[in-house]
């Protein structure tokens, strides 16, 4: 059951790829492992270091390939 419909104008979507300088990301990921932290993506590891990520406007057509179904969808779009 739906509990509540929220104002969607307040939402945004993070997409892959996320990009950071190698040294900074490596340090952030080492920190995650060392401190047994839970992260959802590269950006959250950067946040644990107290750093910020820059948001770059993009399009929903930037497909993320994570599962076989995602690959099927990409193949579908490429055949159009």
N, C-alpha and C. Protein backbone atom coordinates (compact mmCIF):
# COMPACT_ATOMS: atom_id res chain seq x y z
N UNK A 1 0.84 -1.19 0.00
CA UNK A 1 0.00 0.00 0.00
C UNK A 1 0.88 1.25 0.00
N UNK A 2 0.43 2.26 -0.69
CA UNK A 2 1.15 3.53 -0.74
C UNK A 2 0.92 4.27 0.57
N UNK A 3 2.01 4.64 1.22
CA UNK A 3 1.91 5.42 2.45
C UNK A 3 1.66 6.88 2.17
N UNK A 4 2.45 7.42 1.21
CA UNK A 4 2.36 8.85 0.94
C UNK A 4 3.02 9.12 -0.41
N UNK A 5 2.45 10.01 -1.19
CA UNK A 5 3.06 10.44 -2.44
C UNK A 5 3.85 11.70 -2.14
N UNK A 6 5.14 11.66 -2.51
CA UNK A 6 5.98 12.82 -2.21
C UNK A 6 6.10 13.73 -3.43
N UNK A 7 6.52 14.95 -3.18
CA UNK A 7 6.71 15.94 -4.24
C UNK A 7 7.91 15.54 -5.08
N UNK A 8 7.69 15.11 -6.30
CA UNK A 8 8.77 14.60 -7.15
C UNK A 8 9.70 15.70 -7.64
N UNK A 9 9.29 16.95 -7.53
CA UNK A 9 10.18 18.03 -7.95
C UNK A 9 11.38 18.16 -7.02
N UNK A 10 11.30 17.51 -5.86
CA UNK A 10 12.40 17.54 -4.89
C UNK A 10 13.38 16.39 -5.09
N UNK A 11 13.11 15.51 -6.06
CA UNK A 11 13.94 14.33 -6.28
C UNK A 11 14.89 14.52 -7.45
N UNK A 12 15.98 13.77 -7.42
CA UNK A 12 16.91 13.72 -8.56
C UNK A 12 17.45 12.31 -8.62
N UNK A 13 18.07 11.97 -9.72
CA UNK A 13 18.56 10.62 -9.95
C UNK A 13 20.06 10.65 -10.21
N UNK A 14 20.79 9.83 -9.49
CA UNK A 14 22.22 9.69 -9.73
C UNK A 14 22.43 8.62 -10.79
N UNK A 15 23.35 8.86 -11.69
CA UNK A 15 23.61 7.91 -12.76
C UNK A 15 25.08 7.51 -12.80
N UNK A 16 25.32 6.42 -13.45
CA UNK A 16 26.68 5.95 -13.72
C UNK A 16 27.07 6.47 -15.08
N UNK A 17 28.29 6.82 -15.37
CA UNK A 17 29.42 6.65 -14.45
C UNK A 17 29.55 7.81 -13.49
N UNK A 18 30.08 7.50 -12.32
CA UNK A 18 30.52 8.53 -11.40
C UNK A 18 32.02 8.61 -11.61
N UNK A 19 32.55 9.80 -11.59
CA UNK A 19 33.95 9.93 -11.95
C UNK A 19 34.70 10.76 -10.90
N UNK A 20 35.81 10.21 -10.45
CA UNK A 20 36.69 10.87 -9.48
C UNK A 20 38.13 10.62 -9.88
N UNK A 21 38.99 11.47 -9.43
CA UNK A 21 40.42 11.22 -9.65
C UNK A 21 40.78 9.93 -8.92
N UNK A 22 41.63 9.13 -9.56
CA UNK A 22 41.95 7.80 -9.04
C UNK A 22 42.45 7.85 -7.60
N UNK A 23 43.39 8.73 -7.30
CA UNK A 23 43.97 8.79 -5.96
C UNK A 23 42.93 9.08 -4.89
N UNK A 24 42.02 10.00 -5.17
CA UNK A 24 40.97 10.36 -4.21
C UNK A 24 40.01 9.18 -4.01
N UNK A 25 39.60 8.56 -5.11
CA UNK A 25 38.68 7.43 -4.99
C UNK A 25 39.35 6.25 -4.29
N UNK A 26 40.60 5.99 -4.61
CA UNK A 26 41.32 4.90 -3.96
C UNK A 26 41.40 5.12 -2.45
N UNK A 27 41.71 6.34 -2.05
CA UNK A 27 41.77 6.69 -0.62
C UNK A 27 40.40 6.51 0.03
N UNK A 28 39.35 6.93 -0.67
CA UNK A 28 38.00 6.82 -0.12
C UNK A 28 37.59 5.36 0.05
N UNK A 29 37.91 4.54 -0.94
CA UNK A 29 37.55 3.13 -0.85
C UNK A 29 38.37 2.39 0.19
N UNK A 30 39.65 2.75 0.35
CA UNK A 30 40.46 2.16 1.42
C UNK A 30 39.87 2.51 2.78
N UNK A 31 39.39 3.74 2.93
CA UNK A 31 38.77 4.18 4.17
C UNK A 31 37.51 3.36 4.46
N UNK A 32 36.73 3.06 3.44
CA UNK A 32 35.52 2.26 3.60
C UNK A 32 35.87 0.87 4.11
N UNK A 33 36.86 0.24 3.49
CA UNK A 33 37.27 -1.11 3.90
C UNK A 33 37.84 -1.09 5.31
N UNK A 34 38.74 -0.15 5.58
CA UNK A 34 39.40 -0.06 6.88
C UNK A 34 38.38 0.11 8.02
N UNK A 35 37.34 0.90 7.78
CA UNK A 35 36.37 1.21 8.83
C UNK A 35 35.07 0.41 8.72
N UNK A 36 35.08 -0.59 7.80
CA UNK A 36 33.91 -1.46 7.62
C UNK A 36 32.62 -0.66 7.43
N UNK A 37 32.69 0.34 6.54
CA UNK A 37 31.56 1.21 6.28
C UNK A 37 30.68 0.62 5.19
N UNK A 38 29.43 0.98 5.20
CA UNK A 38 28.50 0.56 4.15
C UNK A 38 28.32 1.71 3.18
N UNK A 39 28.53 1.43 1.90
CA UNK A 39 28.35 2.45 0.88
C UNK A 39 27.39 1.94 -0.18
N UNK A 40 26.83 2.88 -0.94
CA UNK A 40 25.93 2.51 -2.03
C UNK A 40 26.59 2.71 -3.39
N UNK A 41 27.61 3.55 -3.43
CA UNK A 41 28.29 3.85 -4.69
C UNK A 41 29.57 4.62 -4.39
N UNK A 42 30.28 5.00 -5.44
CA UNK A 42 31.53 5.72 -5.26
C UNK A 42 31.31 7.05 -4.53
N UNK A 43 30.21 7.72 -4.84
CA UNK A 43 29.93 9.02 -4.23
C UNK A 43 29.81 8.91 -2.71
N UNK A 44 29.18 7.84 -2.23
CA UNK A 44 29.05 7.70 -0.78
C UNK A 44 30.39 7.46 -0.11
N UNK A 45 31.32 6.80 -0.80
CA UNK A 45 32.66 6.62 -0.22
C UNK A 45 33.38 7.97 -0.15
N UNK A 46 33.18 8.81 -1.13
CA UNK A 46 33.77 10.15 -1.15
C UNK A 46 33.20 10.99 0.00
N UNK A 47 31.90 10.86 0.23
CA UNK A 47 31.24 11.60 1.31
C UNK A 47 31.83 11.25 2.67
N UNK A 48 32.19 9.98 2.88
CA UNK A 48 32.77 9.57 4.16
C UNK A 48 34.11 10.28 4.42
N UNK A 49 34.78 10.73 3.38
CA UNK A 49 36.01 11.50 3.56
C UNK A 49 35.73 12.97 3.82
N UNK A 50 34.46 13.35 3.78
CA UNK A 50 34.09 14.74 3.99
C UNK A 50 34.21 15.58 2.73
N UNK A 51 34.31 14.90 1.59
CA UNK A 51 34.42 15.60 0.31
C UNK A 51 33.06 15.68 -0.36
N UNK A 52 32.98 16.54 -1.37
CA UNK A 52 31.72 16.72 -2.09
C UNK A 52 31.83 16.20 -3.51
N UNK A 53 30.70 15.85 -4.08
CA UNK A 53 30.63 15.44 -5.48
C UNK A 53 29.93 16.55 -6.26
N UNK A 54 30.35 16.73 -7.48
CA UNK A 54 29.72 17.71 -8.36
C UNK A 54 28.64 17.00 -9.16
N UNK A 55 27.46 17.60 -9.23
CA UNK A 55 26.38 17.04 -10.03
C UNK A 55 26.44 17.64 -11.43
N UNK A 56 26.31 16.79 -12.43
CA UNK A 56 26.35 17.21 -13.82
C UNK A 56 25.03 16.83 -14.48
N UNK A 57 24.32 17.78 -15.05
CA UNK A 57 23.05 17.43 -15.70
C UNK A 57 23.27 16.40 -16.80
N UNK A 58 22.31 15.49 -16.93
CA UNK A 58 22.42 14.43 -17.92
C UNK A 58 21.03 14.07 -18.42
N UNK A 59 20.96 13.01 -19.18
CA UNK A 59 19.71 12.55 -19.75
C UNK A 59 19.37 11.16 -19.21
N UNK A 60 18.08 10.87 -19.11
CA UNK A 60 17.65 9.53 -18.67
C UNK A 60 18.07 8.46 -19.67
N UNK A 61 18.43 8.87 -20.87
CA UNK A 61 18.82 7.88 -21.88
C UNK A 61 20.21 7.30 -21.61
N UNK A 62 20.89 7.79 -20.59
CA UNK A 62 22.20 7.27 -20.19
C UNK A 62 21.96 5.96 -19.42
N UNK A 63 21.91 4.84 -20.15
CA UNK A 63 21.57 3.55 -19.55
C UNK A 63 22.70 3.00 -18.67
N UNK A 64 22.31 2.44 -17.56
CA UNK A 64 23.26 1.76 -16.68
C UNK A 64 23.09 0.26 -16.90
N UNK A 65 24.18 -0.41 -17.25
CA UNK A 65 24.13 -1.86 -17.47
C UNK A 65 24.60 -2.56 -16.20
N UNK A 66 23.63 -3.14 -15.47
CA UNK A 66 23.93 -3.84 -14.23
C UNK A 66 23.49 -5.29 -14.29
N UNK A 67 22.36 -5.51 -14.93
CA UNK A 67 21.80 -6.86 -15.00
C UNK A 67 21.64 -7.29 -16.46
N UNK A 68 21.34 -8.55 -16.65
CA UNK A 68 21.10 -9.07 -18.01
C UNK A 68 19.93 -8.34 -18.66
N UNK A 69 18.92 -8.00 -17.87
CA UNK A 69 17.77 -7.27 -18.41
C UNK A 69 18.18 -5.90 -18.93
N UNK A 70 19.12 -5.24 -18.25
CA UNK A 70 19.62 -3.95 -18.71
C UNK A 70 20.31 -4.10 -20.07
N UNK A 71 21.06 -5.18 -20.22
CA UNK A 71 21.75 -5.43 -21.48
C UNK A 71 20.74 -5.71 -22.60
N UNK A 72 19.67 -6.42 -22.27
CA UNK A 72 18.61 -6.66 -23.24
C UNK A 72 17.99 -5.34 -23.70
N UNK A 73 17.74 -4.43 -22.76
CA UNK A 73 17.16 -3.14 -23.10
C UNK A 73 18.11 -2.33 -23.97
N UNK A 74 19.39 -2.33 -23.65
CA UNK A 74 20.37 -1.62 -24.46
C UNK A 74 20.42 -2.18 -25.88
N UNK A 75 20.40 -3.50 -25.98
CA UNK A 75 20.38 -4.14 -27.31
C UNK A 75 19.13 -3.75 -28.09
N UNK A 76 18.00 -3.67 -27.40
CA UNK A 76 16.75 -3.26 -28.04
C UNK A 76 16.90 -1.86 -28.62
N UNK A 77 17.41 -0.94 -27.81
CA UNK A 77 17.59 0.45 -28.28
C UNK A 77 18.57 0.54 -29.44
N UNK A 78 19.61 -0.26 -29.41
CA UNK A 78 20.62 -0.22 -30.48
C UNK A 78 20.07 -0.74 -31.81
N UNK A 79 19.05 -1.59 -31.75
CA UNK A 79 18.47 -2.16 -32.96
C UNK A 79 17.43 -1.24 -33.60
N UNK A 80 16.98 -0.25 -32.87
CA UNK A 80 15.94 0.67 -33.39
C UNK A 80 16.52 1.55 -34.48
